[in-house]
C-alpha atoms as a PDB file:
ATOM      1  CA  MET A   1      45.725  37.570  92.233  1.00  0.00           C
ATOM      2  CA  PRO A   2      46.974  37.596  95.773  1.00  0.00           C
ATOM      3  CA  THR A   3      46.806  40.864  97.559  1.00  0.00           C
ATOM      4  CA  SER A   4      49.863  40.913  99.682  1.00  0.00           C
ATOM      5  CA  THR A   5      52.756  43.298  99.056  1.00  0.00           C
ATOM      6  CA  LYS A   6      56.394  42.163  99.356  1.00  0.00           C
ATOM      7  CA  GLY A   7      59.463  44.003 100.401  1.00  0.00           C
ATOM      8  CA  SER A   8      62.806  43.881  98.719  1.00  0.00           C
ATOM      9  CA  SER A   9      63.717  40.762 100.656  1.00  0.00           C
ATOM     10  CA  GLY A  10      60.722  38.909  99.319  1.00  0.00           C
ATOM     11  CA  SER A  11      58.921  39.018 102.710  1.00  0.00           C
ATOM     12  CA  ALA A  12      55.267  39.968 103.047  1.00  0.00           C
ATOM     13  CA  LYS A  13      55.020  43.707 104.008  1.00  0.00           C
ATOM     14  CA  LYS A  14      51.167  43.786 104.052  1.00  0.00           C
ATOM     15  CA  ALA A  15      48.338  41.374 103.717  1.00  0.00           C
ATOM     16  CA  GLY A  16      44.618  41.745 104.264  1.00  0.00           C
ATOM     17  CA  GLY A  17      45.129  45.485 104.510  1.00  0.00           C
ATOM     18  CA  ILE A  18      47.308  45.218 107.574  1.00  0.00           C
ATOM     19  CA  SER A  19      51.069  45.825 107.719  1.00  0.00           C
ATOM     20  CA  SER A  20      53.417  43.090 108.809  1.00  0.00           C
ATOM     21  CA  GLU A  21      54.677  45.471 111.537  1.00  0.00           C
ATOM     22  CA  ALA A  22      51.187  45.865 112.987  1.00  0.00           C
ATOM     23  CA  VAL A  23      50.649  42.137 112.980  1.00  0.00           C
ATOM     24  CA  LEU A  24      53.965  41.637 114.699  1.00  0.00           C
ATOM     25  CA  ASN A  25      53.160  44.292 117.347  1.00  0.00           C
ATOM     26  CA  ARG A  26      49.754  42.808 118.165  1.00  0.00           C
ATOM     27  CA  THR A  27      50.397  39.029 117.793  1.00  0.00           C
ATOM     28  CA  GLY A  28      54.081  38.536 118.344  1.00  0.00           C
ATOM     29  CA  LYS A  29      54.647  37.249 114.716  1.00  0.00           C
ATOM     30  CA  ASP A  30      54.910  39.037 111.392  1.00  0.00           C
ATOM     31  CA  TRP A  31      53.069  37.948 108.255  1.00  0.00           C
ATOM     32  CA  ASP A  32      55.848  35.575 107.034  1.00  0.00           C
ATOM     33  CA  ALA A  33      55.877  33.782 110.411  1.00  0.00           C
ATOM     34  CA  TRP A  34      52.084  33.371 110.453  1.00  0.00           C
ATOM     35  CA  PHE A  35      52.082  32.170 106.835  1.00  0.00           C
ATOM     36  CA  ARG A  36      54.681  29.521 107.742  1.00  0.00           C
ATOM     37  CA  VAL A  37      52.570  28.483 110.851  1.00  0.00           C
ATOM     38  CA  ILE A  38      49.430  28.101 108.690  1.00  0.00           C
ATOM     39  CA  ASP A  39      51.230  26.343 105.825  1.00  0.00           C
ATOM     40  CA  ARG A  40      52.715  23.797 108.230  1.00  0.00           C
ATOM     41  CA  ALA A  41      49.246  23.175 109.598  1.00  0.00           C
ATOM     42  CA  GLY A  42      47.882  22.432 106.113  1.00  0.00           C
ATOM     43  CA  GLY A  43      46.272  25.789 105.558  1.00  0.00           C
ATOM     44  CA  ALA A  44      46.167  25.361 101.779  1.00  0.00           C
ATOM     45  CA  LYS A  45      43.511  22.747 102.184  1.00  0.00           C
ATOM     46  CA  MET A  46      41.750  24.099 105.223  1.00  0.00           C
ATOM     47  CA  ALA A  47      38.522  26.154 105.246  1.00  0.00           C
ATOM     48  CA  HIS A  48      38.479  29.696 106.707  1.00  0.00           C
ATOM     49  CA  LYS A  49      36.786  28.497 109.927  1.00  0.00           C
ATOM     50  CA  GLN A  50      39.354  25.777 110.420  1.00  0.00           C
ATOM     51  CA  ILE A  51      42.278  28.147 110.058  1.00  0.00           C
ATOM     52  CA  ALA A  52      40.788  30.759 112.423  1.00  0.00           C
ATOM     53  CA  ALA A  53      39.965  28.106 115.019  1.00  0.00           C
ATOM     54  CA  MET A  54      43.539  26.673 114.841  1.00  0.00           C
ATOM     55  CA  LEU A  55      44.966  30.182 115.275  1.00  0.00           C
ATOM     56  CA  HIS A  56      42.667  30.831 118.275  1.00  0.00           C
ATOM     57  CA  ASP A  57      42.911  27.397 119.944  1.00  0.00           C
ATOM     58  CA  GLU A  58      46.531  26.446 119.347  1.00  0.00           C
ATOM     59  CA  HIS A  59      48.284  29.819 119.083  1.00  0.00           C
ATOM     60  CA  GLY A  60      46.187  32.011 121.480  1.00  0.00           C
ATOM     61  CA  LEU A  61      45.126  34.648 119.059  1.00  0.00           C
ATOM     62  CA  SER A  62      41.968  36.606 119.995  1.00  0.00           C
ATOM     63  CA  GLY A  63      38.871  36.057 117.928  1.00  0.00           C
ATOM     64  CA  TRP A  64      39.476  39.282 115.962  1.00  0.00           C
ATOM     65  CA  TRP A  65      43.212  38.604 115.212  1.00  0.00           C
ATOM     66  CA  SER A  66      42.373  34.957 114.305  1.00  0.00           C
ATOM     67  CA  GLN A  67      40.096  36.343 111.614  1.00  0.00           C
ATOM     68  CA  MET A  68      42.448  39.036 110.418  1.00  0.00           C
ATOM     69  CA  VAL A  69      45.440  36.651 110.125  1.00  0.00           C
ATOM     70  CA  THR A  70      43.193  34.092 108.354  1.00  0.00           C
ATOM     71  CA  VAL A  71      41.996  36.663 105.862  1.00  0.00           C
ATOM     72  CA  GLY A  72      45.476  37.965 105.213  1.00  0.00           C
ATOM     73  CA  TYR A  73      46.628  34.322 104.659  1.00  0.00           C
ATOM     74  CA  GLU A  74      43.759  33.616 102.255  1.00  0.00           C
ATOM     75  CA  GLN A  75      44.406  36.755 100.298  1.00  0.00           C
ATOM     76  CA  ALA A  76      48.111  36.174 100.052  1.00  0.00           C
ATOM     77  CA  ARG A  77      48.105  32.427  99.465  1.00  0.00           C
ATOM     78  CA  LYS A  78      44.705  31.478  98.119  1.00  0.00           C
ATOM     79  CA  GLY A  79      43.931  34.514  95.993  1.00  0.00           C
ATOM     80  CA  ARG A  80      40.932  35.615  98.136  1.00  0.00           C
ATOM     81  CA  LYS A  81      39.845  39.083  97.033  1.00  0.00           C
ATOM     82  CA  LYS A  82      39.006  42.074  99.112  1.00  0.00           C
ATOM     83  CA  HIS A  83      35.394  41.843 100.543  1.00  0.00           C
ATOM     84  CA  GLU A  84      35.171  38.198  99.552  1.00  0.00           C
ATOM     85  CA  LYS A  85      33.401  35.831 101.966  1.00  0.00           C
ATOM     86  CA  PRO A  86      32.402  32.182 101.522  1.00  0.00           C
ATOM     87  CA  GLY A  87      28.822  33.197 100.329  1.00  0.00           C
ATOM     88  CA  GLY A  88      29.950  35.862  97.959  1.00  0.00           C
ATOM     89  CA  PHE A  89      31.227  39.383  98.407  1.00  0.00           C
ATOM     90  CA  GLU A  90      29.992  41.772 101.156  1.00  0.00           C
ATOM     91  CA  VAL A  91      30.627  45.309 102.338  1.00  0.00           C
ATOM     92  CA  SER A  92      29.886  47.334 105.492  1.00  0.00           C
ATOM     93  CA  VAL A  93      29.264  50.985 105.897  1.00  0.00           C
ATOM     94  CA  SER A  94      28.207  52.843 109.085  1.00  0.00           C
ATOM     95  CA  LYS A  95      27.273  56.401 109.941  1.00  0.00           C
ATOM     96  CA  THR A  96      26.685  58.149 113.236  1.00  0.00           C
ATOM     97  CA  ILE A  97      23.868  60.723 113.051  1.00  0.00           C
ATOM     98  CA  ALA A  98      22.763  63.369 115.555  1.00  0.00           C
ATOM     99  CA  VAL A  99      19.141  62.073 116.026  1.00  0.00           C
ATOM    100  CA  PRO A 100      17.510  59.838 118.631  1.00  0.00           C
ATOM    101  CA  LEU A 101      17.484  56.152 117.904  1.00  0.00           C
ATOM    102  CA  ALA A 102      13.692  55.944 117.296  1.00  0.00           C
ATOM    103  CA  ARG A 103      13.923  58.583 114.618  1.00  0.00           C
ATOM    104  CA  LEU A 104      16.813  56.906 112.899  1.00  0.00           C
ATOM    105  CA  TYR A 105      14.997  53.526 112.894  1.00  0.00           C
ATOM    106  CA  ARG A 106      11.799  55.185 111.584  1.00  0.00           C
ATOM    107  CA  SER A 107      13.744  56.648 108.668  1.00  0.00           C
ATOM    108  CA  TRP A 108      14.298  53.069 107.503  1.00  0.00           C
ATOM    109  CA  SER A 109      11.021  51.401 108.706  1.00  0.00           C
ATOM    110  CA  ASP A 110       8.526  54.028 107.372  1.00  0.00           C
ATOM    111  CA  LYS A 111       8.438  53.699 103.512  1.00  0.00           C
ATOM    112  CA  ARG A 112       7.310  57.321 102.931  1.00  0.00           C
ATOM    113  CA  THR A 113      10.121  58.678 105.033  1.00  0.00           C
ATOM    114  CA  ARG A 114      12.631  56.229 103.520  1.00  0.00           C
ATOM    115  CA  LEU A 115      11.821  57.392  99.932  1.00  0.00           C
ATOM    116  CA  ARG A 116      12.873  60.991 100.891  1.00  0.00           C
ATOM    117  CA  TRP A 117      16.505  59.912 101.200  1.00  0.00           C
ATOM    118  CA  LEU A 118      16.686  56.422  99.515  1.00  0.00           C
ATOM    119  CA  SER A 119      15.392  56.262  95.922  1.00  0.00           C
ATOM    120  CA  GLU A 120      15.597  52.421  96.071  1.00  0.00           C
ATOM    121  CA  GLY A 121      13.250  52.429  99.090  1.00  0.00           C
ATOM    122  CA  ASP A 122      10.937  49.754  97.767  1.00  0.00           C
ATOM    123  CA  PHE A 123      12.821  46.685  99.150  1.00  0.00           C
ATOM    124  CA  THR A 124      11.490  43.643 101.008  1.00  0.00           C
ATOM    125  CA  VAL A 125      11.907  43.549 104.833  1.00  0.00           C
ATOM    126  CA  ARG A 126      12.281  39.896 105.814  1.00  0.00           C
ATOM    127  CA  ALA A 127      12.548  40.584 109.570  1.00  0.00           C
ATOM    128  CA  SER A 128      12.848  43.531 111.874  1.00  0.00           C
ATOM    129  CA  ARG A 129      13.315  44.375 115.534  1.00  0.00           C
ATOM    130  CA  LYS A 130      12.157  47.884 116.428  1.00  0.00           C
ATOM    131  CA  ASP A 131      15.032  50.254 117.041  1.00  0.00           C
ATOM    132  CA  LYS A 132      17.458  47.326 116.755  1.00  0.00           C
ATOM    133  CA  SER A 133      17.702  45.787 113.239  1.00  0.00           C
ATOM    134  CA  MET A 134      16.279  45.089 109.860  1.00  0.00           C
ATOM    135  CA  ARG A 135      16.971  42.163 107.465  1.00  0.00           C
ATOM    136  CA  ILE A 136      16.190  43.098 103.912  1.00  0.00           C
ATOM    137  CA  THR A 137      16.075  41.432 100.526  1.00  0.00           C
ATOM    138  CA  TRP A 138      17.465  44.134  98.263  1.00  0.00           C
ATOM    139  CA  ILE A 139      15.530  45.419  95.196  1.00  0.00           C
ATOM    140  CA  ASP A 140      17.559  43.034  92.899  1.00  0.00           C
ATOM    141  CA  GLY A 141      15.903  40.074  94.684  1.00  0.00           C
ATOM    142  CA  LYS A 142      19.296  38.370  95.133  1.00  0.00           C
ATOM    143  CA  THR A 143      21.354  40.249  97.589  1.00  0.00           C
ATOM    144  CA  HIS A 144      20.682  40.865 101.292  1.00  0.00           C
ATOM    145  CA  VAL A 145      21.109  43.971 103.409  1.00  0.00           C
ATOM    146  CA  ASP A 146      21.412  43.796 107.235  1.00  0.00           C
ATOM    147  CA  VAL A 147      20.860  47.134 108.958  1.00  0.00           C
ATOM    148  CA  ASP A 148      21.651  47.462 112.628  1.00  0.00           C
ATOM    149  CA  PHE A 149      20.870  50.516 114.902  1.00  0.00           C
ATOM    150  CA  TYR A 150      22.734  51.589 117.969  1.00  0.00           C
ATOM    151  CA  GLU A 151      22.062  54.386 120.442  1.00  0.00           C
ATOM    152  CA  LYS A 152      25.276  56.400 121.095  1.00  0.00           C
ATOM    153  CA  ALA A 153      23.608  59.064 123.292  1.00  0.00           C
ATOM    154  CA  PRO A 154      20.069  60.418 123.754  1.00  0.00           C
ATOM    155  CA  ASP A 155      20.375  62.490 120.590  1.00  0.00           C
ATOM    156  CA  LYS A 156      23.021  60.532 118.647  1.00  0.00           C
ATOM    157  CA  SER A 157      22.588  57.114 116.956  1.00  0.00           C
ATOM    158  CA  GLN A 158      24.565  54.927 114.534  1.00  0.00           C
ATOM    159  CA  VAL A 159      23.337  52.890 111.639  1.00  0.00           C
ATOM    160  CA  SER A 160      25.463  50.031 110.244  1.00  0.00           C
ATOM    161  CA  VAL A 161      24.643  48.576 106.875  1.00  0.00           C
ATOM    162  CA  GLN A 162      26.061  45.238 105.617  1.00  0.00           C
ATOM    163  CA  HIS A 163      25.335  44.349 101.940  1.00  0.00           C
ATOM    164  CA  LYS A 164      25.772  40.590 101.320  1.00  0.00           C
ATOM    165  CA  LYS A 165      25.839  38.132  98.470  1.00  0.00           C
ATOM    166  CA  LEU A 166      27.343  40.530  95.983  1.00  0.00           C
ATOM    167  CA  GLY A 167      28.550  38.905  92.770  1.00  0.00           C
ATOM    168  CA  ASN A 168      32.142  40.086  92.574  1.00  0.00           C
ATOM    169  CA  ALA A 169      34.745  42.547  93.821  1.00  0.00           C
ATOM    170  CA  LYS A 170      33.634  45.241  91.459  1.00  0.00           C
ATOM    171  CA  ALA A 171      30.021  45.025  92.573  1.00  0.00           C
ATOM    172  CA  ALA A 172      31.220  45.171  96.181  1.00  0.00           C
ATOM    173  CA  GLU A 173      33.274  48.320  95.651  1.00  0.00           C
ATOM    174  CA  ARG A 174      30.316  49.874  93.808  1.00  0.00           C
ATOM    175  CA  ALA A 175      27.865  48.893  96.596  1.00  0.00           C
ATOM    176  CA  LYS A 176      30.242  50.357  99.282  1.00  0.00           C
ATOM    177  CA  ALA A 177      30.516  53.682  97.459  1.00  0.00           C
ATOM    178  CA  GLN A 178      26.694  53.825  96.957  1.00  0.00           C
ATOM    179  CA  TRP A 179      25.959  53.047 100.613  1.00  0.00           C
ATOM    180  CA  ARG A 180      28.433  55.792 101.681  1.00  0.00           C
ATOM    181  CA  GLU A 181      26.416  58.176  99.489  1.00  0.00           C
ATOM    182  CA  ARG A 182      23.041  56.934 100.756  1.00  0.00           C
ATOM    183  CA  LEU A 183      24.042  57.257 104.371  1.00  0.00           C
ATOM    184  CA  ALA A 184      25.356  60.723 103.752  1.00  0.00           C
ATOM    185  CA  ALA A 185      21.989  61.625 102.239  1.00  0.00           C
ATOM    186  CA  LEU A 186      20.184  60.095 105.246  1.00  0.00           C
ATOM    187  CA  GLN A 187      22.397  62.159 107.544  1.00  0.00           C
ATOM    188  CA  GLY A 188      21.604  65.334 105.564  1.00  0.00           C
ATOM    189  CA  TYR A 189      17.899  64.577 105.624  1.00  0.00           C
ATOM    190  CA  LEU A 190      17.756  63.782 109.327  1.00  0.00           C
ATOM    191  CA  GLU A 191      20.071  66.544 110.543  1.00  0.00           C
ATOM    192  CA  SER A 192      18.618  69.379 108.421  1.00  0.00           C
END
């Protein structure tokens, strides 16, 4: 089911989680105008990358707005669901924690430490770059988790978790809620 909302005149008020007014203010066109542009270009038969490239190259939208307008169009016209990507569903959650970057990274890379805040700590690390990133095959053996680490200040760091290849929208919402809880537990553990 498409996820755009319509006003009393039948025009799209919101798509992709962004109001028509916000799109107009940032791009010069509202949702209805962008939908007409994409429809005329054959958007119904175009892949996501083709639509985004067309918006960027032919209409001058930034990379970010090209993606947002494409997602809004796909949700409204093609029935794309929230969190849906070409390879399945994925969610992102991040948390800034008052600890140095090396300590934050170690809370993920050291299994004993990890098990203090993450009960599912026995996952497979496919690749890692110290104090930068980890690429994980999750405990289900099917989904992937990308973890990125950023230094915000000498005693403040951010962790960003992206859980990919989830089976459906319900699994994506559940994973998002679980990662919020897990990162809150990590913060509690590291900041106590």
